[in-house]
């Protein structure tokens, strides 16, 4: 039985976020905020990577029949994350001068808790320059 399928959608998301946070911490990132919510949207993980503030979208996929987790972060979703990140930076000015990066962590489940794949896509999307 698949580890992720045993859980509700929220529990699956929470489990994925924990896995993503653990992976990123192993690579030297530190947690700044988790599940930051604003009226416009939510950011799963906000982390610091050296001089960067990193906004992380975590996607858990039980199957990739239609699209991978990374592919499911549509332009519209990217814009929500960007606007939410801008609000976070306004509310937390100590990070406002840091360069920002938008990463996606794509987790594909396997047959049990030990079987999953984690793909970390650094700089998955950027703020479009006008």
Protein backbone atom coordinates (compact mmCIF):
# COMPACT_ATOMS: atom_id res chain seq x y z
CA UNK A 1 0.00 0.00 0.00
CA UNK A 2 1.26 3.44 -0.91
CA UNK A 3 2.35 5.54 2.09
CA UNK A 4 0.90 8.77 0.72
CA UNK A 5 -2.45 7.23 -0.31
CA UNK A 6 -3.25 6.25 3.28
CA UNK A 7 -3.52 9.89 4.25
CA UNK A 8 -5.96 12.70 3.60
CA UNK A 9 -4.95 15.36 1.08
CA UNK A 10 -3.78 17.65 3.91
CA UNK A 11 -1.80 14.88 5.60
CA UNK A 12 -0.23 13.97 2.26
CA UNK A 13 0.77 17.61 1.74
CA UNK A 14 2.14 17.87 5.27
CA UNK A 15 4.17 14.68 4.80
CA UNK A 16 5.54 15.99 1.51
CA UNK A 17 6.51 19.30 3.10
CA UNK A 18 8.37 17.47 5.88
CA UNK A 19 10.26 15.38 3.32
CA UNK A 20 11.10 18.50 1.29
CA UNK A 21 12.22 20.43 4.36
CA UNK A 22 14.46 17.54 5.44
CA UNK A 23 16.06 17.34 1.98
CA UNK A 24 16.67 21.08 1.79
CA UNK A 25 18.12 21.19 5.31
CA UNK A 26 20.57 18.43 4.32
CA UNK A 27 21.73 20.78 1.56
CA UNK A 28 22.37 23.60 4.03
CA UNK A 29 19.14 25.60 3.79
CA UNK A 30 17.53 26.87 6.99
CA UNK A 31 13.83 27.24 7.64
CA UNK A 32 12.51 30.80 7.89
CA UNK A 33 8.76 30.15 7.73
CA UNK A 34 6.40 27.28 6.98
CA UNK A 35 2.94 27.47 5.43
CA UNK A 36 2.98 31.25 5.15
CA UNK A 37 -0.57 32.29 4.33
CA UNK A 38 -1.89 35.53 2.94
CA UNK A 39 -5.18 36.49 1.33
CA UNK A 40 -3.74 35.96 -2.14
CA UNK A 41 -2.08 32.58 -1.53
CA UNK A 42 0.24 30.35 0.45
CA UNK A 43 3.91 29.46 0.34
CA UNK A 44 4.77 25.99 1.61
CA UNK A 45 8.32 26.67 2.78
CA UNK A 46 10.38 29.82 3.03
CA UNK A 47 14.04 29.03 3.52
CA UNK A 48 17.38 30.73 3.51
CA UNK A 49 20.18 29.49 1.27
CA UNK A 50 23.28 31.51 2.03
CA UNK A 51 22.45 35.01 0.81
CA UNK A 52 19.16 33.96 -0.86
CA UNK A 53 15.63 33.89 0.47
CA UNK A 54 14.01 30.87 -1.15
CA UNK A 55 10.27 30.42 -1.66
CA UNK A 56 9.48 26.74 -2.09
CA UNK A 57 6.40 25.15 -3.61
CA UNK A 58 6.08 21.47 -2.66
CA UNK A 59 4.11 19.14 -4.94
CA UNK A 60 3.27 15.53 -4.10
CA UNK A 61 2.02 13.37 -6.92
CA UNK A 62 0.44 9.96 -6.46
CA UNK A 63 0.82 9.41 -10.19
CA UNK A 64 2.21 11.41 -13.08
CA UNK A 65 -0.44 10.41 -15.60
CA UNK A 66 -1.39 14.00 -16.39
CA UNK A 67 1.60 16.06 -15.30
CA UNK A 68 4.51 15.93 -12.90
CA UNK A 69 4.32 17.95 -9.73
CA UNK A 70 6.67 20.54 -11.20
CA UNK A 71 4.60 20.82 -14.38
CA UNK A 72 1.50 21.42 -12.27
CA UNK A 73 2.90 24.74 -11.02
CA UNK A 74 1.12 26.75 -13.69
CA UNK A 75 1.76 30.35 -14.67
CA UNK A 76 -1.26 31.39 -12.58
CA UNK A 77 0.07 29.50 -9.53
CA UNK A 78 3.51 31.06 -10.07
CA UNK A 79 1.97 34.55 -10.06
CA UNK A 80 0.16 33.79 -6.77
CA UNK A 81 3.39 32.56 -5.20
CA UNK A 82 5.29 35.64 -6.44
CA UNK A 83 2.67 38.05 -5.08
CA UNK A 84 2.55 36.19 -1.76
CA UNK A 85 6.36 36.30 -1.59
CA UNK A 86 6.31 40.05 -2.21
CA UNK A 87 3.86 40.47 0.67
CA UNK A 88 6.07 38.33 2.91
CA UNK A 89 9.05 40.54 2.05
CA UNK A 90 7.06 43.71 2.83
CA UNK A 91 6.10 42.25 6.21
CA UNK A 92 9.63 40.99 6.92
CA UNK A 93 11.97 43.78 5.81
CA UNK A 94 15.10 42.01 7.10
CA UNK A 95 14.81 39.71 4.06
CA UNK A 96 13.73 42.38 1.56
CA UNK A 97 17.24 43.18 0.31
CA UNK A 98 18.16 39.54 -0.24
CA UNK A 99 17.94 38.09 -3.74
CA UNK A 100 14.90 35.82 -4.02
CA UNK A 101 14.62 32.44 -5.65
CA UNK A 102 11.57 30.30 -6.41
CA UNK A 103 12.14 26.56 -6.12
CA UNK A 104 9.83 23.59 -6.63
CA UNK A 105 10.19 20.28 -4.82
CA UNK A 106 8.41 17.52 -6.71
CA UNK A 107 7.75 14.32 -4.76
CA UNK A 108 6.50 11.24 -6.58
CA UNK A 109 5.23 8.50 -4.31
CA UNK A 110 6.19 4.85 -4.56
CA UNK A 111 4.84 1.63 -3.16
CA UNK A 112 5.77 2.30 0.46
CA UNK A 113 7.28 4.88 2.77
CA UNK A 114 10.80 4.10 1.58
CA UNK A 115 9.89 4.41 -2.10
CA UNK A 116 9.54 7.96 -3.31
CA UNK A 117 11.48 10.26 -5.57
CA UNK A 118 12.29 13.84 -4.67
CA UNK A 119 13.28 16.28 -7.41
CA UNK A 120 14.44 19.70 -6.28
CA UNK A 121 14.22 22.29 -9.04
CA UNK A 122 16.19 25.38 -8.08
CA UNK A 123 15.09 28.64 -9.64
CA UNK A 124 12.08 26.90 -11.22
CA UNK A 125 10.56 30.23 -12.22
CA UNK A 126 11.37 33.93 -11.95
CA UNK A 127 9.64 37.25 -11.67
CA UNK A 128 9.17 38.52 -15.20
CA UNK A 129 10.92 41.79 -15.92
CA UNK A 130 8.76 44.44 -17.50
